[in-house]
Amino acid sequence: IVVNDIESDLKLTNKKISFLAHRNFGIGFDQLIFLT
């Protein structure tokens, strides 16, 4: 997942990233690429 934080102002914690990565409850991914 590629997230452009330059265009937004996200506050992603480890817990939120882990939830988003979950294949059944979130988006599902192996790695998040965060552009700042």
Full PDB file with SEQRES, HELIX, SHEET, SSBOND, CRYST1, ORIGX, SCALE, CONECT and MASTER records, all heavy atoms in Angstrom:
SEQRES   1 A   36  ILE VAL VAL ASN ASP ILE GLU SER ASP LEU LYS LEU THR          
SEQRES   2 A   36  ASN LYS LYS ILE SER PHE LEU ALA HIS ARG ASN PHE GLY          
SEQRES   3 A   36  ILE GLY PHE ASP GLN LEU ILE PHE LEU THR                      
HELIX    1 AA1 ASN A   14  ALA A   21  1                                   8    
SHEET    1 AA1 2 VAL A   2  ASN A   4  0                                        
SHEET    2 AA1 2 ILE A  33  LEU A  35  1                                        
CRYST1    1.000    1.000    1.000  90.00  90.00  90.00 P 1           1          
ORIGX1      1.000000  0.000000  0.000000        0.00000                         
ORIGX2      0.000000  1.000000  0.000000        0.00000                         
ORIGX3      0.000000  0.000000  1.000000        0.00000                         
SCALE1      1.000000  0.000000  0.000000        0.00000                         
SCALE2      0.000000  1.000000  0.000000        0.00000                         
SCALE3      0.000000  0.000000  1.000000        0.00000                         
ATOM      1  N   ILE A   1       0.876  -1.161   0.000  1.00  0.00           N  
ATOM      2  CA  ILE A   1       0.000   0.000   0.000  1.00  0.00           C  
ATOM      3  C   ILE A   1       0.915   1.212   0.000  1.00  0.00           C  
ATOM      4  O   ILE A   1       1.840   1.310   0.809  1.00  0.00           O  
ATOM      5  CB  ILE A   1      -0.901   0.015   1.253  1.00  0.00           C  
ATOM      6  CG1 ILE A   1      -1.838  -1.172   1.271  1.00  0.00           C  
ATOM      7  CG2 ILE A   1      -1.687   1.312   1.339  1.00  0.00           C  
ATOM      8  CD1 ILE A   1      -2.794  -1.233   0.127  1.00  0.00           C  
ATOM      9  N   VAL A   2       0.658   2.148  -0.910  1.00  0.00           N  
ATOM     10  CA  VAL A   2       1.419   3.393  -0.960  1.00  0.00           C  
ATOM     11  C   VAL A   2       0.495   4.521  -0.514  1.00  0.00           C  
ATOM     12  O   VAL A   2      -0.573   4.714  -1.097  1.00  0.00           O  
ATOM     13  CB  VAL A   2       1.960   3.669  -2.381  1.00  0.00           C  
ATOM     14  CG1 VAL A   2       2.751   4.961  -2.400  1.00  0.00           C  
ATOM     15  CG2 VAL A   2       2.806   2.500  -2.876  1.00  0.00           C  
ATOM     16  N   VAL A   3       0.907   5.240   0.533  1.00  0.00           N  
ATOM     17  CA  VAL A   3       0.126   6.348   1.066  1.00  0.00           C  
ATOM     18  C   VAL A   3       0.961   7.618   0.933  1.00  0.00           C  
ATOM     19  O   VAL A   3       2.107   7.671   1.381  1.00  0.00           O  
ATOM     20  CB  VAL A   3      -0.241   6.116   2.551  1.00  0.00           C  
ATOM     21  CG1 VAL A   3      -0.947   7.323   3.124  1.00  0.00           C  
ATOM     22  CG2 VAL A   3      -1.100   4.871   2.697  1.00  0.00           C  
ATOM     23  N   ASN A   4       0.378   8.630   0.308  1.00  0.00           N  
ATOM     24  CA  ASN A   4       1.040   9.915   0.135  1.00  0.00           C  
ATOM     25  C   ASN A   4       0.614  10.830   1.277  1.00  0.00           C  
ATOM     26  O   ASN A   4      -0.441  11.449   1.230  1.00  0.00           O  
ATOM     27  CB  ASN A   4       0.669  10.518  -1.226  1.00  0.00           C  
ATOM     28  CG  ASN A   4       1.350  11.825  -1.497  1.00  0.00           C  
ATOM     29  OD1 ASN A   4       1.981  12.411  -0.629  1.00  0.00           O  
ATOM     30  ND2 ASN A   4       1.222  12.296  -2.721  1.00  0.00           N  
ATOM     31  N   ASP A   5       1.452  10.922   2.304  1.00  0.00           N  
ATOM     32  CA  ASP A   5       1.118  11.752   3.464  1.00  0.00           C  
ATOM     33  C   ASP A   5       1.408  13.227   3.205  1.00  0.00           C  
ATOM     34  O   ASP A   5       1.080  14.076   4.014  1.00  0.00           O  
ATOM     35  CB  ASP A   5       1.871  11.285   4.698  1.00  0.00           C  
ATOM     36  CG  ASP A   5       1.319  11.898   5.974  1.00  0.00           C  
ATOM     37  OD1 ASP A   5       0.086  11.939   6.122  1.00  0.00           O  
ATOM     38  OD2 ASP A   5       2.115  12.344   6.816  1.00  0.00           O  
ATOM     39  N   ILE A   6       2.004  13.556   2.079  1.00  0.00           N  
ATOM     40  CA  ILE A   6       2.233  14.951   1.718  1.00  0.00           C  
ATOM     41  C   ILE A   6       0.896  15.621   1.418  1.00  0.00           C  
ATOM     42  O   ILE A   6       0.697  16.791   1.705  1.00  0.00           O  
ATOM     43  CB  ILE A   6       3.193  15.056   0.517  1.00  0.00           C  
ATOM     44  CG1 ILE A   6       4.572  14.524   0.926  1.00  0.00           C  
ATOM     45  CG2 ILE A   6       3.291  16.475  -0.008  1.00  0.00           C  
ATOM     46  CD1 ILE A   6       5.537  14.349  -0.211  1.00  0.00           C  
ATOM     47  N   GLU A   7      -0.036  14.859   0.860  1.00  0.00           N  
ATOM     48  CA  GLU A   7      -1.352  15.391   0.513  1.00  0.00           C  
ATOM     49  C   GLU A   7      -2.375  15.247   1.636  1.00  0.00           C  
ATOM     50  O   GLU A   7      -3.506  15.666   1.500  1.00  0.00           O  
ATOM     51  CB  GLU A   7      -1.871  14.700  -0.748  1.00  0.00           C  
ATOM     52  CG  GLU A   7      -1.020  14.970  -1.968  1.00  0.00           C  
ATOM     53  CD  GLU A   7      -1.490  14.201  -3.190  1.00  0.00           C  
ATOM     54  OE1 GLU A   7      -2.423  13.393  -3.073  1.00  0.00           O  
ATOM     55  OE2 GLU A   7      -0.905  14.419  -4.255  1.00  0.00           O  
ATOM     56  N   SER A   8      -1.998  14.615   2.711  1.00  0.00           N  
ATOM     57  CA  SER A   8      -2.901  14.452   3.850  1.00  0.00           C  
ATOM     58  C   SER A   8      -2.080  14.625   5.125  1.00  0.00           C  
ATOM     59  O   SER A   8      -0.900  14.929   5.068  1.00  0.00           O  
ATOM     60  CB  SER A   8      -3.565  13.071   3.813  1.00  0.00           C  
ATOM     61  OG  SER A   8      -2.582  12.069   3.954  1.00  0.00           O  
ATOM     62  N   ASP A   9      -2.690  14.413   6.230  1.00  0.00           N  
ATOM     63  CA  ASP A   9      -1.992  14.532   7.510  1.00  0.00           C  
ATOM     64  C   ASP A   9      -2.427  13.378   8.402  1.00  0.00           C  
ATOM     65  O   ASP A   9      -3.142  13.573   9.373  1.00  0.00           O  
ATOM     66  CB  ASP A   9      -2.292  15.884   8.162  1.00  0.00           C  
ATOM     67  CG  ASP A   9      -1.405  16.144   9.366  1.00  0.00           C  
ATOM     68  OD1 ASP A   9      -0.298  15.575   9.425  1.00  0.00           O  
ATOM     69  OD2 ASP A   9      -1.825  16.913  10.247  1.00  0.00           O  
ATOM     70  N   LEU A  10      -1.988  12.182   8.041  1.00  0.00           N  
ATOM     71  CA  LEU A  10      -2.393  10.990   8.781  1.00  0.00           C  
ATOM     72  C   LEU A  10      -1.533  10.777  10.006  1.00  0.00           C  
ATOM     73  O   LEU A  10      -0.335  11.058   9.990  1.00  0.00           O  
ATOM     74  CB  LEU A  10      -2.271   9.757   7.878  1.00  0.00           C  
ATOM     75  CG  LEU A  10      -3.175   9.701   6.668  1.00  0.00           C  
ATOM     76  CD1 LEU A  10      -2.826   8.496   5.822  1.00  0.00           C  
ATOM     77  CD2 LEU A  10      -4.617   9.624   7.113  1.00  0.00           C  
ATOM     78  N   LYS A  11      -2.121  10.281  11.019  1.00  0.00           N  
ATOM     79  CA  LYS A  11      -1.409   9.887  12.228  1.00  0.00           C  
ATOM     80  C   LYS A  11      -1.595   8.378  12.371  1.00  0.00           C  
ATOM     81  O   LYS A  11      -2.549   7.918  12.991  1.00  0.00           O  
ATOM     82  CB  LYS A  11      -1.953  10.614  13.457  1.00  0.00           C  
ATOM     83  CG  LYS A  11      -1.931  12.116  13.348  1.00  0.00           C  
ATOM     84  CD  LYS A  11      -0.520  12.667  13.335  1.00  0.00           C  
ATOM     85  CE  LYS A  11      -0.543  14.171  13.337  1.00  0.00           C  
ATOM     86  NZ  LYS A  11       0.337  14.757  12.341  1.00  0.00           N  
ATOM     87  N   LEU A  12      -0.716   7.616  11.739  1.00  0.00           N  
ATOM     88  CA  LEU A  12      -0.832   6.163  11.772  1.00  0.00           C  
ATOM     89  C   LEU A  12       0.040   5.593  12.879  1.00  0.00           C  
ATOM     90  O   LEU A  12       1.247   5.788  12.896  1.00  0.00           O  
ATOM     91  CB  LEU A  12      -0.415   5.561  10.424  1.00  0.00           C  
ATOM     92  CG  LEU A  12      -1.328   5.861   9.251  1.00  0.00           C  
ATOM     93  CD1 LEU A  12      -0.777   5.239   7.977  1.00  0.00           C  
ATOM     94  CD2 LEU A  12      -2.730   5.348   9.509  1.00  0.00           C  
ATOM     95  N   THR A  13      -0.580   4.885  13.802  1.00  0.00           N  
ATOM     96  CA  THR A  13       0.144   4.201  14.859  1.00  0.00           C  
ATOM     97  C   THR A  13       0.435   2.769  14.406  1.00  0.00           C  
ATOM     98  O   THR A  13      -0.114   2.292  13.409  1.00  0.00           O  
ATOM     99  CB  THR A  13      -0.699   4.156  16.143  1.00  0.00           C  
ATOM    100  OG1 THR A  13      -1.881   3.385  15.877  1.00  0.00           O  
ATOM    101  CG2 THR A  13      -1.083   5.549  16.615  1.00  0.00           C  
ATOM    102  N   ASN A  14       1.276   2.085  15.153  1.00  0.00           N  
ATOM    103  CA  ASN A  14       1.569   0.672  14.845  1.00  0.00           C  
ATOM    104  C   ASN A  14       0.292  -0.158  14.858  1.00  0.00           C  
ATOM    105  O   ASN A  14       0.097  -1.036  14.020  1.00  0.00           O  
ATOM    106  CB  ASN A  14       2.570   0.105  15.849  1.00  0.00           C  
ATOM    107  CG  ASN A  14       3.942   0.728  15.715  1.00  0.00           C  
ATOM    108  OD1 ASN A  14       4.140   1.678  14.959  1.00  0.00           O  
ATOM    109  ND2 ASN A  14       4.890   0.215  16.456  1.00  0.00           N  
ATOM    110  N   LYS A  15      -0.588   0.139  15.810  1.00  0.00           N  
ATOM    111  CA  LYS A  15      -1.849  -0.602  15.929  1.00  0.00           C  
ATOM    112  C   LYS A  15      -2.742  -0.369  14.703  1.00  0.00           C  
ATOM    113  O   LYS A  15      -3.336  -1.303  14.180  1.00  0.00           O  
ATOM    114  CB  LYS A  15      -2.572  -0.178  17.209  1.00  0.00           C  
ATOM    115  CG  LYS A  15      -3.790  -0.989  17.526  1.00  0.00           C  
ATOM    116  CD  LYS A  15      -4.373  -0.578  18.873  1.00  0.00           C  
ATOM    117  CE  LYS A  15      -5.612  -1.392  19.178  1.00  0.00           C  
ATOM    118  NZ  LYS A  15      -6.183  -1.047  20.485  1.00  0.00           N  
ATOM    119  N   LYS A  16      -2.835   0.886  14.233  1.00  0.00           N  
ATOM    120  CA  LYS A  16      -3.644   1.192  13.049  1.00  0.00           C  
ATOM    121  C   LYS A  16      -3.071   0.530  11.804  1.00  0.00           C  
ATOM    122  O   LYS A  16      -3.806  -0.004  10.979  1.00  0.00           O  
ATOM    123  CB  LYS A  16      -3.731   2.698  12.839  1.00  0.00           C  
ATOM    124  CG  LYS A  16      -4.617   3.413  13.829  1.00  0.00           C  
ATOM    125  CD  LYS A  16      -4.640   4.904  13.554  1.00  0.00           C  
ATOM    126  CE  LYS A  16      -5.414   5.647  14.617  1.00  0.00           C  
ATOM    127  NZ  LYS A  16      -5.382   7.100  14.402  1.00  0.00           N  
ATOM    128  N   ILE A  17      -1.743   0.558  11.661  1.00  0.00           N  
ATOM    129  CA  ILE A  17      -1.105  -0.078  10.507  1.00  0.00           C  
ATOM    130  C   ILE A  17      -1.373  -1.573  10.529  1.00  0.00           C  
ATOM    131  O   ILE A  17      -1.711  -2.171   9.505  1.00  0.00           O  
ATOM    132  CB  ILE A  17       0.403   0.226  10.482  1.00  0.00           C  
ATOM    133  CG1 ILE A  17       0.636   1.717  10.214  1.00  0.00           C  
ATOM    134  CG2 ILE A  17       1.110  -0.616   9.425  1.00  0.00           C  
ATOM    135  CD1 ILE A  17       2.068   2.174  10.411  1.00  0.00           C  
ATOM    136  N   SER A  18      -1.240  -2.191  11.686  1.00  0.00           N  
ATOM    137  CA  SER A  18      -1.492  -3.622  11.822  1.00  0.00           C  
ATOM    138  C   SER A  18      -2.940  -3.971  11.459  1.00  0.00           C  
ATOM    139  O   SER A  18      -3.208  -4.969  10.784  1.00  0.00           O  
ATOM    140  CB  SER A  18      -1.178  -4.057  13.257  1.00  0.00           C  
ATOM    141  OG  SER A  18      -1.439  -5.418  13.433  1.00  0.00           O  
ATOM    142  N   PHE A  19      -3.892  -3.136  11.888  1.00  0.00           N  
ATOM    143  CA  PHE A  19      -5.293  -3.366  11.548  1.00  0.00           C  
ATOM    144  C   PHE A  19      -5.520  -3.240  10.050  1.00  0.00           C  
ATOM    145  O   PHE A  19      -6.203  -4.065   9.445  1.00  0.00           O  
ATOM    146  CB  PHE A  19      -6.200  -2.390  12.296  1.00  0.00           C  
ATOM    147  CG  PHE A  19      -7.654  -2.559  11.959  1.00  0.00           C  
ATOM    148  CD1 PHE A  19      -8.394  -3.574  12.541  1.00  0.00           C  
ATOM    149  CD2 PHE A  19      -8.274  -1.741  11.038  1.00  0.00           C  
ATOM    150  CE1 PHE A  19      -9.735  -3.761  12.218  1.00  0.00           C  
ATOM    151  CE2 PHE A  19      -9.612  -1.911  10.704  1.00  0.00           C  
ATOM    152  CZ  PHE A  19     -10.341  -2.922  11.299  1.00  0.00           C  
ATOM    153  N   LEU A  20      -4.957  -2.200   9.428  1.00  0.00           N  
ATOM    154  CA  LEU A  20      -5.105  -2.012   7.983  1.00  0.00           C  
ATOM    155  C   LEU A  20      -4.496  -3.174   7.200  1.00  0.00           C  
ATOM    156  O   LEU A  20      -4.989  -3.545   6.143  1.00  0.00           O  
ATOM    157  CB  LEU A  20      -4.455  -0.699   7.545  1.00  0.00           C  
ATOM    158  CG  LEU A  20      -5.132   0.580   8.003  1.00  0.00           C  
ATOM    159  CD1 LEU A  20      -4.250   1.777   7.686  1.00  0.00           C  
ATOM    160  CD2 LEU A  20      -6.497   0.728   7.341  1.00  0.00           C  
ATOM    161  N   ALA A  21      -3.432  -3.754   7.714  1.00  0.00           N  
ATOM    162  CA  ALA A  21      -2.750  -4.851   7.028  1.00  0.00           C  
ATOM    163  C   ALA A  21      -3.524  -6.170   7.096  1.00  0.00           C  
ATOM    164  O   ALA A  21      -3.289  -7.073   6.281  1.00  0.00           O  
ATOM    165  CB  ALA A  21      -1.359  -5.054   7.616  1.00  0.00           C  
ATOM    166  N   HIS A  22      -4.452  -6.283   8.041  1.00  0.00           N  
ATOM    167  CA  HIS A  22      -5.198  -7.529   8.232  1.00  0.00           C  
ATOM    168  C   HIS A  22      -6.006  -7.862   6.977  1.00  0.00           C  
ATOM    169  O   HIS A  22      -6.709  -7.032   6.430  1.00  0.00           O  
ATOM    170  CB  HIS A  22      -6.135  -7.391   9.442  1.00  0.00           C  
ATOM    171  CG  HIS A  22      -6.631  -8.690   9.942  1.00  0.00           C  
ATOM    172  ND1 HIS A  22      -7.658  -9.385   9.335  1.00  0.00           N  
ATOM    173  CD2 HIS A  22      -6.231  -9.441  10.972  1.00  0.00           C  
ATOM    174  CE1 HIS A  22      -7.883 -10.500   9.979  1.00  0.00           C  
ATOM    175  NE2 HIS A  22      -7.020 -10.567  10.987  1.00  0.00           N  
ATOM    176  N   ARG A  23      -5.889  -9.082   6.517  1.00  0.00           N  
ATOM    177  CA  ARG A  23      -6.501  -9.493   5.250  1.00  0.00           C  
ATOM    178  C   ARG A  23      -8.021  -9.644   5.335  1.00  0.00           C  
ATOM    179  O   ARG A  23      -8.708  -9.564   4.325  1.00  0.00           O  
ATOM    180  CB  ARG A  23      -5.874 -10.788   4.768  1.00  0.00           C  
ATOM    181  CG  ARG A  23      -4.378 -10.650   4.606  1.00  0.00           C  
ATOM    182  CD  ARG A  23      -3.943 -11.044   3.240  1.00  0.00           C  
ATOM    183  NE  ARG A  23      -2.506 -10.852   3.137  1.00  0.00           N  
ATOM    184  CZ  ARG A  23      -1.941  -9.979   2.334  1.00  0.00           C  
ATOM    185  NH1 ARG A  23      -2.681  -9.233   1.560  1.00  0.00           N  
ATOM    186  NH2 ARG A  23      -0.641  -9.853   2.271  1.00  0.00           N  
ATOM    187  N   ASN A  24      -8.569  -9.866   6.525  1.00  0.00           N  
ATOM    188  CA  ASN A  24     -10.023 -10.030   6.664  1.00  0.00           C  
ATOM    189  C   ASN A  24     -10.746  -8.771   7.106  1.00  0.00           C  
ATOM    190  O   ASN A  24     -11.908  -8.588   6.782  1.00  0.00           O  
ATOM    191  CB  ASN A  24     -10.332 -11.152   7.659  1.00  0.00           C  
ATOM    192  CG  ASN A  24      -9.888 -12.496   7.146  1.00  0.00           C  
ATOM    193  OD1 ASN A  24      -9.947 -12.762   5.957  1.00  0.00           O  
ATOM    194  ND2 ASN A  24      -9.396 -13.350   8.033  1.00  0.00           N  
ATOM    195  N   PHE A  25     -10.068  -7.921   7.854  1.00  0.00           N  
ATOM    196  CA  PHE A  25     -10.740  -6.756   8.435  1.00  0.00           C  
ATOM    197  C   PHE A  25     -10.229  -5.425   7.885  1.00  0.00           C  
ATOM    198  O   PHE A  25     -10.879  -4.406   8.045  1.00  0.00           O  
ATOM    199  CB  PHE A  25     -10.596  -6.762   9.960  1.00  0.00           C  
ATOM    200  CG  PHE A  25     -11.138  -8.004  10.592  1.00  0.00           C  
ATOM    201  CD1 PHE A  25     -10.298  -8.917  11.189  1.00  0.00           C  
ATOM    202  CD2 PHE A  25     -12.496  -8.271  10.568  1.00  0.00           C  
ATOM    203  CE1 PHE A  25     -10.789 -10.072  11.766  1.00  0.00           C  
ATOM    204  CE2 PHE A  25     -13.005  -9.415  11.147  1.00  0.00           C  
ATOM    205  CZ  PHE A  25     -12.146 -10.327  11.749  1.00  0.00           C  
ATOM    206  N   GLY A  26      -9.062  -5.422   7.276  1.00  0.00           N  
ATOM    207  CA  GLY A  26      -8.475  -4.192   6.755  1.00  0.00           C  
ATOM    208  C   GLY A  26      -8.316  -4.263   5.244  1.00  0.00           C  
ATOM    209  O   GLY A  26      -9.012  -5.011   4.556  1.00  0.00           O  
ATOM    210  N   ILE A  27      -7.359  -3.504   4.751  1.00  0.00           N  
ATOM    211  CA  ILE A  27      -7.061  -3.480   3.316  1.00  0.00           C  
ATOM    212  C   ILE A  27      -6.333  -4.753   2.909  1.00  0.00           C  
ATOM    213  O   ILE A  27      -6.582  -5.322   1.858  1.00  0.00           O  
ATOM    214  CB  ILE A  27      -6.186  -2.247   2.983  1.00  0.00           C  
ATOM    215  CG1 ILE A  27      -6.910  -0.962   3.361  1.00  0.00           C  
ATOM    216  CG2 ILE A  27      -5.807  -2.237   1.517  1.00  0.00           C  
ATOM    217  CD1 ILE A  27      -6.001   0.253   3.403  1.00  0.00           C  
ATOM    218  N   GLY A  28      -5.414  -5.184   3.742  1.00  0.00           N  
ATOM    219  CA  GLY A  28      -4.607  -6.368   3.480  1.00  0.00           C  
ATOM    220  C   GLY A  28      -3.370  -6.017   2.673  1.00  0.00           C  
ATOM    221  O   GLY A  28      -3.474  -5.622   1.523  1.00  0.00           O  
ATOM    222  N   PHE A  29      -2.197  -6.122   3.313  1.00  0.00           N  
ATOM    223  CA  PHE A  29      -0.935  -5.867   2.619  1.00  0.00           C  
ATOM    224  C   PHE A  29       0.227  -6.444   3.410  1.00  0.00           C  
ATOM    225  O   PHE A  29       0.094  -6.770   4.584  1.00  0.00           O  
ATOM    226  CB  PHE A  29      -0.727  -4.374   2.375  1.00  0.00           C  
ATOM    227  CG  PHE A  29      -0.746  -3.506   3.606  1.00  0.00           C  
ATOM    228  CD1 PHE A  29       0.382  -3.355   4.395  1.00  0.00           C  
ATOM    229  CD2 PHE A  29      -1.890  -2.829   3.966  1.00  0.00           C  
ATOM    230  CE1 PHE A  29       0.366  -2.552   5.521  1.00  0.00           C  
ATOM    231  CE2 PHE A  29      -1.922  -2.013   5.078  1.00  0.00           C  
ATOM    232  CZ  PHE A  29      -0.780  -1.875   5.868  1.00  0.00           C  
ATOM    233  N   ASP A  30       1.357  -6.569   2.720  1.00  0.00           N  
ATOM    234  CA  ASP A  30       2.586  -7.030   3.361  1.00  0.00           C  
ATOM    235  C   ASP A  30       3.413  -5.863   3.893  1.00  0.00           C  
ATOM    236  O   ASP A  30       4.035  -5.973   4.939  1.00  0.00           O  
ATOM    237  CB  ASP A  30       3.432  -7.848   2.380  1.00  0.00           C  
ATOM    238  CG  ASP A  30       2.713  -9.107   1.935  1.00  0.00           C  
ATOM    239  OD1 ASP A  30       2.280  -9.876   2.809  1.00  0.00           O  
ATOM    240  OD2 ASP A  30       2.567  -9.315   0.722  1.00  0.00           O  
ATOM    241  N   GLN A  31       3.426  -4.762   3.147  1.00  0.00           N  
ATOM    242  CA  GLN A  31       4.150  -3.580   3.593  1.00  0.00           C  
ATOM    243  C   GLN A  31       3.412  -2.312   3.200  1.00  0.00           C  
ATOM    244  O   GLN A  31       2.748  -2.263   2.169  1.00  0.00           O  
ATOM    245  CB  GLN A  31       5.557  -3.524   3.011  1.00  0.00           C  
ATOM    246  CG  GLN A  31       6.557  -4.353   3.775  1.00  0.00           C  
ATOM    247  CD  GLN A  31       7.980  -3.971   3.416  1.00  0.00           C  
ATOM    248  OE1 GLN A  31       8.281  -3.675   2.267  1.00  0.00           O  
ATOM    249  NE2 GLN A  31       8.857  -3.996   4.403  1.00  0.00           N  
ATOM    250  N   LEU A  32       3.559  -1.305   4.054  1.00  0.00           N  
ATOM    251  CA  LEU A  32       3.031   0.027   3.801  1.00  0.00           C  
ATOM    252  C   LEU A  32       4.205   0.919   3.424  1.00  0.00           C  
ATOM    253  O   LEU A  32       5.218   0.954   4.124  1.00  0.00           O  
ATOM    254  CB  LEU A  32       2.356   0.570   5.060  1.00  0.00           C  
ATOM    255  CG  LEU A  32       1.993   2.049   5.072  1.00  0.00           C  
ATOM    256  CD1 LEU A  32       0.857   2.325   4.099  1.00  0.00           C  
ATOM    257  CD2 LEU A  32       1.607   2.488   6.469  1.00  0.00           C  
ATOM    258  N   ILE A  33       4.080   1.621   2.316  1.00  0.00           N  
ATOM    259  CA  ILE A  33       5.088   2.584   1.882  1.00  0.00           C  
ATOM    260  C   ILE A  33       4.477   3.958   2.114  1.00  0.00           C  
ATOM    261  O   ILE A  33       3.452   4.293   1.532  1.00  0.00           O  
ATOM    262  CB  ILE A  33       5.465   2.378   0.408  1.00  0.00           C  
ATOM    263  CG1 ILE A  33       5.972   0.946   0.207  1.00  0.00           C  
ATOM    264  CG2 ILE A  33       6.492   3.402  -0.040  1.00  0.00           C  
ATOM    265  CD1 ILE A  33       6.177   0.567  -1.250  1.00  0.00           C  
ATOM    266  N   PHE A  34       5.111   4.730   2.976  1.00  0.00           N  
ATOM    267  CA  PHE A  34       4.560   5.994   3.461  1.00  0.00           C  
ATOM    268  C   PHE A  34       5.433   7.133   2.950  1.00  0.00           C  
ATOM    269  O   PHE A  34       6.606   7.248   3.320  1.00  0.00           O  
ATOM    270  CB  PHE A  34       4.552   5.940   4.989  1.00  0.00           C  
ATOM    271  CG  PHE A  34       3.604   6.868   5.663  1.00  0.00           C  
ATOM    272  CD1 PHE A  34       2.241   6.760   5.473  1.00  0.00           C  
ATOM    273  CD2 PHE A  34       4.070   7.844   6.525  1.00  0.00           C  
ATOM    274  CE1 PHE A  34       1.355   7.611   6.122  1.00  0.00           C  
ATOM    275  CE2 PHE A  34       3.207   8.699   7.187  1.00  0.00           C  
ATOM    276  CZ  PHE A  34       1.843   8.577   6.981  1.00  0.00           C  
ATOM    277  N   LEU A  35       4.879   7.978   2.086  1.00  0.00           N  
ATOM    278  CA  LEU A  35       5.608   9.120   1.545  1.00  0.00           C  
ATOM    279  C   LEU A  35       5.317  10.340   2.410  1.00  0.00           C  
ATOM    280  O   LEU A  35       4.161  10.682   2.634  1.00  0.00           O  
ATOM    281  CB  LEU A  35       5.183   9.397   0.109  1.00  0.00           C  
ATOM    282  CG  LEU A  35       5.282   8.215  -0.859  1.00  0.00           C  
ATOM    283  CD1 LEU A  35       4.766   8.626  -2.227  1.00  0.00           C  
ATOM    284  CD2 LEU A  35       6.695   7.712  -0.950  1.00  0.00           C  
ATOM    285  N   THR A  36       6.361  10.997   2.897  1.00  0.00           N  
ATOM    286  CA  THR A  36       6.216  12.145   3.787  1.00  0.00           C  
ATOM    287  C   THR A  36       6.992  13.343   3.248  1.00  0.00           C  
ATOM    288  O   THR A  36       7.749  13.228   2.290  1.00  0.00           O  
ATOM    289  CB  THR A  36       6.726  11.820   5.204  1.00  0.00           C  
ATOM    290  OG1 THR A  36       8.120  11.523   5.141  1.00  0.00           O  
ATOM    291  CG2 THR A  36       5.977  10.653   5.800  1.00  0.00           C  
TER     292      THR A  36                                                      
MASTER        0    0    0    1    2    0    0    6  291    1    0    3          
END                                                                             
